Amino acid sequence: MIINGLGESITGRSIERGFVGLEAVNIRDYAFNKHHKVDDYIYGGGAGMLMQAEPVYQCFKAVEERIREGGNIKPLRCIYMTPQGRVFNQQIAKELSGEEDIIILCGHYEGIDERVLEEIVTDNISIGDYVLTGGELPAMVLIDAVSRLIPGVLNNEASSDTESFEDGLLEYPQYSRPEVWRGKRVPEVLLSGHHENVEKWRRAQSVIRTRERRPDLLSETGCQCH
């Protein structure tokens, strides 16, 4: 699922060109029982099944060993995708883009035995306050966002610097040809060729758009823009 989902567009090309390495590991391969079963009933009762600690731990150790064999001796970040984690944002993506290797743990069923989470997880990260079937889709969101920030992935290095959230604001409106579409004109300042005025307009529009659509971002950054 993860390889197929990320095998296209910018992320797919970055993998092909060697800017990003991606390996999807099936935890079931580390369940040493007849049917490669990784889930069991929950102690204390409750609906659903829980992923057991041992296959998760064995899978983690195998991946960790491969990373060490590759020469990375730095402390490893093991990220568990969970709605209980801190909400993923562009700042976290930038932070993670500086890591040489990242292990992302995807839960399923009712989650994972708490004991192994305490043993191996360094970061709990959420993509929002809702519940999904598994951690694969959140992991894909994280991988895509982080990959874009790795040098060489985007053809235009400046493009990631001007996207929404890079400076705590939403991105300004953008326009392409024709100059007039169904009676709507491109703002004159964008046709002027005056770069300083264009930048001022874009900054002002970013502030206006953020205030209208995501005022919480202005509070978080302490921006007093008017």
C-alpha atoms as a PDB file:
ATOM      1  CA  MET A   1       0.000   0.000   0.000  1.00  0.00           C
ATOM      2  CA  ILE A   2       2.694   2.491   0.983  1.00  0.00           C
ATOM      3  CA  ILE A   3       5.050   1.695  -1.889  1.00  0.00           C
ATOM      4  CA  ASN A   4       2.224   1.882  -4.439  1.00  0.00           C
ATOM      5  CA  GLY A   5       0.811   5.065  -2.955  1.00  0.00           C
ATOM      6  CA  LEU A   6       4.139   6.888  -2.946  1.00  0.00           C
ATOM      7  CA  GLY A   7       5.488   5.457  -6.187  1.00  0.00           C
ATOM      8  CA  GLU A   8       4.141   8.292  -8.348  1.00  0.00           C
ATOM      9  CA  SER A   9       4.745  12.007  -8.876  1.00  0.00           C
ATOM     10  CA  ILE A  10       7.417  13.892  -6.908  1.00  0.00           C
ATOM     11  CA  THR A  11       7.907  11.293  -4.189  1.00  0.00           C
ATOM     12  CA  GLY A  12       8.142   8.443  -6.678  1.00  0.00           C
ATOM     13  CA  ARG A  13      10.739  10.285  -8.755  1.00  0.00           C
ATOM     14  CA  SER A  14      12.753  11.139  -5.650  1.00  0.00           C
ATOM     15  CA  ILE A  15      12.894   7.424  -4.778  1.00  0.00           C
ATOM     16  CA  GLU A  16      13.920   6.480  -8.327  1.00  0.00           C
ATOM     17  CA  ARG A  17      16.672   9.119  -8.331  1.00  0.00           C
ATOM     18  CA  GLY A  18      18.000   8.050  -4.950  1.00  0.00           C
ATOM     19  CA  PHE A  19      17.183  11.197  -2.981  1.00  0.00           C
ATOM     20  CA  VAL A  20      14.828   9.226  -0.727  1.00  0.00           C
ATOM     21  CA  GLY A  21      15.066   5.593   0.339  1.00  0.00           C
ATOM     22  CA  LEU A  22      11.833   3.829   1.236  1.00  0.00           C
ATOM     23  CA  GLU A  23      11.275   0.308   2.529  1.00  0.00           C
ATOM     24  CA  ALA A  24       7.931  -1.114   3.634  1.00  0.00           C
ATOM     25  CA  VAL A  25       8.272  -3.948   6.150  1.00  0.00           C
ATOM     26  CA  ASN A  26       5.444  -6.345   6.998  1.00  0.00           C
ATOM     27  CA  ILE A  27       5.262  -7.026  10.735  1.00  0.00           C
ATOM     28  CA  ARG A  28       3.539 -10.347   9.987  1.00  0.00           C
ATOM     29  CA  ASP A  29       6.884 -11.602   8.671  1.00  0.00           C
ATOM     30  CA  TYR A  30       8.132 -11.447  12.266  1.00  0.00           C
ATOM     31  CA  ALA A  31       5.267 -13.408  13.809  1.00  0.00           C
ATOM     32  CA  PHE A  32       6.781 -16.829  14.321  1.00  0.00           C
ATOM     33  CA  ASN A  33       3.611 -18.871  14.430  1.00  0.00           C
ATOM     34  CA  LYS A  34       1.824 -21.037  11.900  1.00  0.00           C
ATOM     35  CA  HIS A  35      -0.421 -18.344  10.442  1.00  0.00           C
ATOM     36  CA  HIS A  36       1.861 -15.330  11.053  1.00  0.00           C
ATOM     37  CA  LYS A  37      -0.738 -13.945  13.435  1.00  0.00           C
ATOM     38  CA  VAL A  38       0.184 -10.617  15.058  1.00  0.00           C
ATOM     39  CA  ASP A  39      -3.007  -9.757  16.976  1.00  0.00           C
ATOM     40  CA  ASP A  40      -4.704 -11.139  20.083  1.00  0.00           C
ATOM     41  CA  TYR A  41      -7.466 -10.344  22.545  1.00  0.00           C
ATOM     42  CA  ILE A  42      -7.153  -7.369  24.884  1.00  0.00           C
ATOM     43  CA  TYR A  43      -6.555  -7.982  28.597  1.00  0.00           C
ATOM     44  CA  GLY A  44      -9.409  -6.562  30.640  1.00  0.00           C
ATOM     45  CA  GLY A  45     -11.863  -6.975  27.794  1.00  0.00           C
ATOM     46  CA  GLY A  46     -12.945  -4.607  25.091  1.00  0.00           C
ATOM     47  CA  ALA A  47     -13.884  -4.677  21.447  1.00  0.00           C
ATOM     48  CA  GLY A  48     -11.432  -5.642  18.748  1.00  0.00           C
ATOM     49  CA  MET A  49      -7.944  -7.087  18.741  1.00  0.00           C
ATOM     50  CA  LEU A  50      -4.556  -5.655  19.666  1.00  0.00           C
ATOM     51  CA  MET A  51      -1.205  -6.043  17.922  1.00  0.00           C
ATOM     52  CA  GLN A  52       1.134  -8.071  20.116  1.00  0.00           C
ATOM     53  CA  ALA A  53       4.399  -6.722  21.457  1.00  0.00           C
ATOM     54  CA  GLU A  54       6.850  -9.410  20.298  1.00  0.00           C
ATOM     55  CA  PRO A  55       6.368  -9.339  16.505  1.00  0.00           C
ATOM     56  CA  VAL A  56       6.464  -5.537  16.565  1.00  0.00           C
ATOM     57  CA  TYR A  57       9.661  -5.612  18.615  1.00  0.00           C
ATOM     58  CA  GLN A  58      11.313  -8.237  16.405  1.00  0.00           C
ATOM     59  CA  CYS A  59      10.439  -6.248  13.299  1.00  0.00           C
ATOM     60  CA  PHE A  60      11.853  -3.064  14.818  1.00  0.00           C
ATOM     61  CA  LYS A  61      15.106  -4.768  15.818  1.00  0.00           C
ATOM     62  CA  ALA A  62      15.542  -6.239  12.328  1.00  0.00           C
ATOM     63  CA  VAL A  63      15.075  -2.838  10.696  1.00  0.00           C
ATOM     64  CA  GLU A  64      17.347  -1.209  13.259  1.00  0.00           C
ATOM     65  CA  GLU A  65      20.053  -3.780  12.515  1.00  0.00           C
ATOM     66  CA  ARG A  66      19.882  -3.079   8.769  1.00  0.00           C
ATOM     67  CA  ILE A  67      20.201   0.634   9.416  1.00  0.00           C
ATOM     68  CA  ARG A  68      23.241   0.090  11.641  1.00  0.00           C
ATOM     69  CA  GLU A  69      24.820  -2.120   9.001  1.00  0.00           C
ATOM     70  CA  GLY A  70      24.394   0.792   6.587  1.00  0.00           C
ATOM     71  CA  GLY A  71      26.654   2.904   8.777  1.00  0.00           C
ATOM     72  CA  ASN A  72      24.203   5.081  10.698  1.00  0.00           C
ATOM     73  CA  ILE A  73      25.214   5.050  14.370  1.00  0.00           C
ATOM     74  CA  LYS A  74      23.088   8.031  15.423  1.00  0.00           C
ATOM     75  CA  PRO A  75      20.104   7.604  17.763  1.00  0.00           C
ATOM     76  CA  LEU A  76      17.109   6.498  15.692  1.00  0.00           C
ATOM     77  CA  ARG A  77      13.699   8.161  15.611  1.00  0.00           C
ATOM     78  CA  CYS A  78      10.871   5.622  15.739  1.00  0.00           C
ATOM     79  CA  ILE A  79       7.605   7.399  14.990  1.00  0.00           C
ATOM     80  CA  TYR A  80       4.274   5.846  15.933  1.00  0.00           C
ATOM     81  CA  MET A  81       1.357   7.198  13.901  1.00  0.00           C
ATOM     82  CA  THR A  82      -1.444   7.634  16.420  1.00  0.00           C
ATOM     83  CA  PRO A  83      -4.302  10.121  17.006  1.00  0.00           C
ATOM     84  CA  GLN A  84      -2.885  10.470  20.533  1.00  0.00           C
ATOM     85  CA  GLY A  85       0.305  12.108  19.224  1.00  0.00           C
ATOM     86  CA  ARG A  86       1.249  15.721  18.602  1.00  0.00           C
ATOM     87  CA  VAL A  87      -0.385  17.008  15.437  1.00  0.00           C
ATOM     88  CA  PHE A  88       1.900  16.877  12.411  1.00  0.00           C
ATOM     89  CA  ASN A  89       2.783  20.204  10.822  1.00  0.00           C
ATOM     90  CA  GLN A  90       5.363  21.793   8.537  1.00  0.00           C
ATOM     91  CA  GLN A  91       7.760  22.490  11.396  1.00  0.00           C
ATOM     92  CA  ILE A  92       7.846  18.800  12.337  1.00  0.00           C
ATOM     93  CA  ALA A  93       8.347  17.906   8.669  1.00  0.00           C
ATOM     94  CA  LYS A  94      11.373  20.228   8.499  1.00  0.00           C
ATOM     95  CA  GLU A  95      12.741  18.723  11.704  1.00  0.00           C
ATOM     96  CA  LEU A  96      12.410  15.170  10.386  1.00  0.00           C
ATOM     97  CA  SER A  97      13.904  16.044   6.992  1.00  0.00           C
ATOM     98  CA  GLY A  98      17.257  16.432   8.731  1.00  0.00           C
ATOM     99  CA  GLU A  99      17.274  12.826   9.962  1.00  0.00           C
ATOM    100  CA  GLU A 100      19.366  10.261   8.102  1.00  0.00           C
ATOM    101  CA  ASP A 101      16.935   7.426   8.848  1.00  0.00           C
ATOM    102  CA  ILE A 102      13.425   7.284  10.283  1.00  0.00           C
ATOM    103  CA  ILE A 103      11.387   4.260  11.334  1.00  0.00           C
ATOM    104  CA  ILE A 104       7.623   4.751  11.087  1.00  0.00           C
ATOM    105  CA  LEU A 105       5.413   2.330  13.002  1.00  0.00           C
ATOM    106  CA  CYS A 106       1.870   1.834  11.694  1.00  0.00           C
ATOM    107  CA  GLY A 107      -0.711   0.387  14.027  1.00  0.00           C
ATOM    108  CA  HIS A 108      -3.777  -1.617  13.071  1.00  0.00           C
ATOM    109  CA  TYR A 109      -6.792  -3.175  14.775  1.00  0.00           C
ATOM    110  CA  GLU A 110      -7.218  -1.456  18.179  1.00  0.00           C
ATOM    111  CA  GLY A 111      -3.580  -0.411  18.309  1.00  0.00           C
ATOM    112  CA  ILE A 112      -0.389  -1.928  19.711  1.00  0.00           C
ATOM    113  CA  ASP A 113       0.543  -3.410  23.101  1.00  0.00           C
ATOM    114  CA  GLU A 114       1.661  -0.473  25.252  1.00  0.00           C
ATOM    115  CA  ARG A 115       4.783  -2.258  26.490  1.00  0.00           C
ATOM    116  CA  VAL A 116       6.508  -2.337  23.118  1.00  0.00           C
ATOM    117  CA  LEU A 117       5.517   1.267  22.428  1.00  0.00           C
ATOM    118  CA  GLU A 118       7.268   2.281  25.638  1.00  0.00           C
ATOM    119  CA  GLU A 119      10.311   0.274  24.560  1.00  0.00           C
ATOM    120  CA  ILE A 120      10.884   1.516  21.004  1.00  0.00           C
ATOM    121  CA  VAL A 121       8.862   4.655  20.186  1.00  0.00           C
ATOM    122  CA  THR A 122      10.534   8.069  20.360  1.00  0.00           C
ATOM    123  CA  ASP A 123       7.756  10.178  18.792  1.00  0.00           C
ATOM    124  CA  ASN A 124       3.965   9.909  18.733  1.00  0.00           C
ATOM    125  CA  ILE A 125       2.573  11.826  15.759  1.00  0.00           C
ATOM    126  CA  SER A 126      -1.004  12.401  14.587  1.00  0.00           C
ATOM    127  CA  ILE A 127      -2.351  13.863  11.343  1.00  0.00           C
ATOM    128  CA  GLY A 128      -5.591  14.982  12.983  1.00  0.00           C
ATOM    129  CA  ASP A 129      -8.284  14.312  15.527  1.00  0.00           C
ATOM    130  CA  TYR A 130      -9.986  11.391  13.825  1.00  0.00           C
ATOM    131  CA  VAL A 131      -9.529   7.628  13.636  1.00  0.00           C
ATOM    132  CA  LEU A 132      -8.453   5.653  10.561  1.00  0.00           C
ATOM    133  CA  THR A 133      -8.288   1.900   9.962  1.00  0.00           C
ATOM    134  CA  GLY A 134      -4.502   1.828  10.202  1.00  0.00           C
ATOM    135  CA  GLY A 135      -1.404   3.969  10.317  1.00  0.00           C
ATOM    136  CA  GLU A 136      -0.458   3.523   6.669  1.00  0.00           C
ATOM    137  CA  LEU A 137      -2.258   6.590   5.304  1.00  0.00           C
ATOM    138  CA  PRO A 138      -0.879   8.898   8.030  1.00  0.00           C
ATOM    139  CA  ALA A 139       2.593   7.474   7.360  1.00  0.00           C
ATOM    140  CA  MET A 140       2.226   8.299   3.669  1.00  0.00           C
ATOM    141  CA  VAL A 141       1.262  11.871   4.529  1.00  0.00           C
ATOM    142  CA  LEU A 142       4.343  12.233   6.716  1.00  0.00           C
ATOM    143  CA  ILE A 143       6.683  10.675   4.141  1.00  0.00           C
ATOM    144  CA  ASP A 144       5.379  12.886   1.334  1.00  0.00           C
ATOM    145  CA  ALA A 145       5.684  16.085   3.386  1.00  0.00           C
ATOM    146  CA  VAL A 146       9.191  15.248   4.629  1.00  0.00           C
ATOM    147  CA  SER A 147      10.462  14.087   1.235  1.00  0.00           C
ATOM    148  CA  ARG A 148       9.618  17.428  -0.385  1.00  0.00           C
ATOM    149  CA  LEU A 149      12.051  19.159   1.960  1.00  0.00           C
ATOM    150  CA  ILE A 150      15.070  16.997   1.125  1.00  0.00           C
ATOM    151  CA  PRO A 151      17.558  18.844  -1.131  1.00  0.00           C
ATOM    152  CA  GLY A 152      17.238  17.817  -4.767  1.00  0.00           C
ATOM    153  CA  VAL A 153      13.710  16.421  -4.536  1.00  0.00           C
ATOM    154  CA  LEU A 154      11.995  19.540  -5.897  1.00  0.00           C
ATOM    155  CA  ASN A 155      13.298  20.886  -9.198  1.00  0.00           C
ATOM    156  CA  ASN A 156      12.857  24.443  -7.958  1.00  0.00           C
ATOM    157  CA  GLU A 157      14.463  24.657  -4.517  1.00  0.00           C
ATOM    158  CA  ALA A 158      12.615  27.923  -3.825  1.00  0.00           C
ATOM    159  CA  SER A 159       9.187  26.333  -4.231  1.00  0.00           C
ATOM    160  CA  SER A 160       9.170  24.635  -0.822  1.00  0.00           C
ATOM    161  CA  ASP A 161      10.213  27.895   0.835  1.00  0.00           C
ATOM    162  CA  THR A 162       7.149  29.756  -0.442  1.00  0.00           C
ATOM    163  CA  GLU A 163       4.479  27.139   0.245  1.00  0.00           C
ATOM    164  CA  SER A 164       1.857  27.389   2.963  1.00  0.00           C
ATOM    165  CA  PHE A 165       3.124  27.180   6.567  1.00  0.00           C
ATOM    166  CA  GLU A 166       6.806  27.784   5.716  1.00  0.00           C
ATOM    167  CA  ASP A 167       6.697  31.152   7.506  1.00  0.00           C
ATOM    168  CA  GLY A 168       3.691  30.380   9.686  1.00  0.00           C
ATOM    169  CA  LEU A 169       1.241  31.763   7.108  1.00  0.00           C
ATOM    170  CA  LEU A 170      -0.913  30.295   4.367  1.00  0.00           C
ATOM    171  CA  GLU A 171       0.322  30.683   0.813  1.00  0.00           C
ATOM    172  CA  TYR A 172      -0.841  33.705  -1.194  1.00  0.00           C
ATOM    173  CA  PRO A 173      -3.289  33.329  -4.152  1.00  0.00           C
ATOM    174  CA  GLN A 174      -1.667  32.395  -7.457  1.00  0.00           C
ATOM    175  CA  TYR A 175      -2.742  32.886 -11.074  1.00  0.00           C
ATOM    176  CA  SER A 176      -1.806  31.647 -14.551  1.00  0.00           C
ATOM    177  CA  ARG A 177      -2.856  32.519 -18.117  1.00  0.00           C
ATOM    178  CA  PRO A 178      -5.141  33.911 -19.436  1.00  0.00           C
ATOM    179  CA  GLU A 179      -5.141  37.370 -17.840  1.00  0.00           C
ATOM    180  CA  VAL A 180      -8.940  37.382 -17.883  1.00  0.00           C
ATOM    181  CA  TRP A 181     -10.976  34.237 -17.214  1.00  0.00           C
ATOM    182  CA  ARG A 182     -14.794  34.403 -17.144  1.00  0.00           C
ATOM    183  CA  GLY A 183     -14.608  38.089 -16.332  1.00  0.00           C
ATOM    184  CA  LYS A 184     -12.102  37.655 -13.493  1.00  0.00           C
ATOM    185  CA  ARG A 185      -8.808  39.510 -13.984  1.00  0.00           C
ATOM    186  CA  VAL A 186      -5.366  38.707 -12.624  1.00  0.00           C
ATOM    187  CA  PRO A 187      -4.400  41.408 -10.066  1.00  0.00           C
ATOM    188  CA  GLU A 188      -2.564  44.210 -11.877  1.00  0.00           C
ATOM    189  CA  VAL A 189       0.398  44.149  -9.498  1.00  0.00           C
ATOM    190  CA  LEU A 190       1.304  40.651 -10.715  1.00  0.00           C
ATOM    191  CA  LEU A 191       1.525  41.933 -14.292  1.00  0.00           C
ATOM    192  CA  SER A 192       3.621  44.975 -13.404  1.00  0.00           C
ATOM    193  CA  GLY A 193       7.038  43.319 -13.385  1.00  0.00           C
ATOM    194  CA  HIS A 194       7.848  45.261 -10.179  1.00  0.00           C
ATOM    195  CA  HIS A 195       9.269  42.484  -7.989  1.00  0.00           C
ATOM    196  CA  GLU A 196       9.275  44.442  -4.731  1.00  0.00           C
ATOM    197  CA  ASN A 197       5.615  45.363  -5.111  1.00  0.00           C
ATOM    198  CA  VAL A 198       4.776  41.771  -6.032  1.00  0.00           C
ATOM    199  CA  GLU A 199       6.462  40.507  -2.857  1.00  0.00           C
ATOM    200  CA  LYS A 200       4.647  43.078  -0.720  1.00  0.00           C
ATOM    201  CA  TRP A 201       1.320  42.077  -2.288  1.00  0.00           C
ATOM    202  CA  ARG A 202       2.007  38.389  -1.725  1.00  0.00           C
ATOM    203  CA  ARG A 203       2.939  38.944   1.900  1.00  0.00           C
ATOM    204  CA  ALA A 204      -0.197  40.996   2.509  1.00  0.00           C
ATOM    205  CA  GLN A 205      -2.370  38.383   0.805  1.00  0.00           C
ATOM    206  CA  SER A 206      -0.807  35.622   2.910  1.00  0.00           C
ATOM    207  CA  VAL A 207      -1.710  37.498   6.078  1.00  0.00           C
ATOM    208  CA  ILE A 208      -5.262  38.198   4.867  1.00  0.00           C
ATOM    209  CA  ARG A 209      -5.823  34.594   3.822  1.00  0.00           C
ATOM    210  CA  THR A 210      -4.426  33.257   7.089  1.00  0.00           C
ATOM    211  CA  ARG A 211      -6.616  35.600   9.125  1.00  0.00           C
ATOM    212  CA  GLU A 212      -9.707  34.507   7.174  1.00  0.00           C
ATOM    213  CA  ARG A 213      -9.065  30.764   6.979  1.00  0.00           C
ATOM    214  CA  ARG A 214      -6.649  29.836   9.782  1.00  0.00           C
ATOM    215  CA  PRO A 215      -6.569  32.587  12.432  1.00  0.00           C
ATOM    216  CA  ASP A 216      -5.142  30.052  14.886  1.00  0.00           C
ATOM    217  CA  LEU A 217      -1.850  30.194  12.969  1.00  0.00           C
ATOM    218  CA  LEU A 218      -1.505  33.907  13.683  1.00  0.00           C
ATOM    219  CA  SER A 219      -1.968  33.198  17.391  1.00  0.00           C
ATOM    220  CA  GLU A 220       0.645  30.435  17.321  1.00  0.00           C
ATOM    221  CA  THR A 221       3.260  32.614  15.612  1.00  0.00           C
ATOM    222  CA  GLY A 222       2.445  35.691  17.660  1.00  0.00           C
ATOM    223  CA  CYS A 223       1.889  37.625  14.445  1.00  0.00           C
ATOM    224  CA  GLN A 224       0.235  41.003  14.984  1.00  0.00           C
ATOM    225  CA  CYS A 225      -0.115  41.705  11.242  1.00  0.00           C
ATOM    226  CA  HIS A 226      -2.848  44.123  10.179  1.00  0.00           C
END
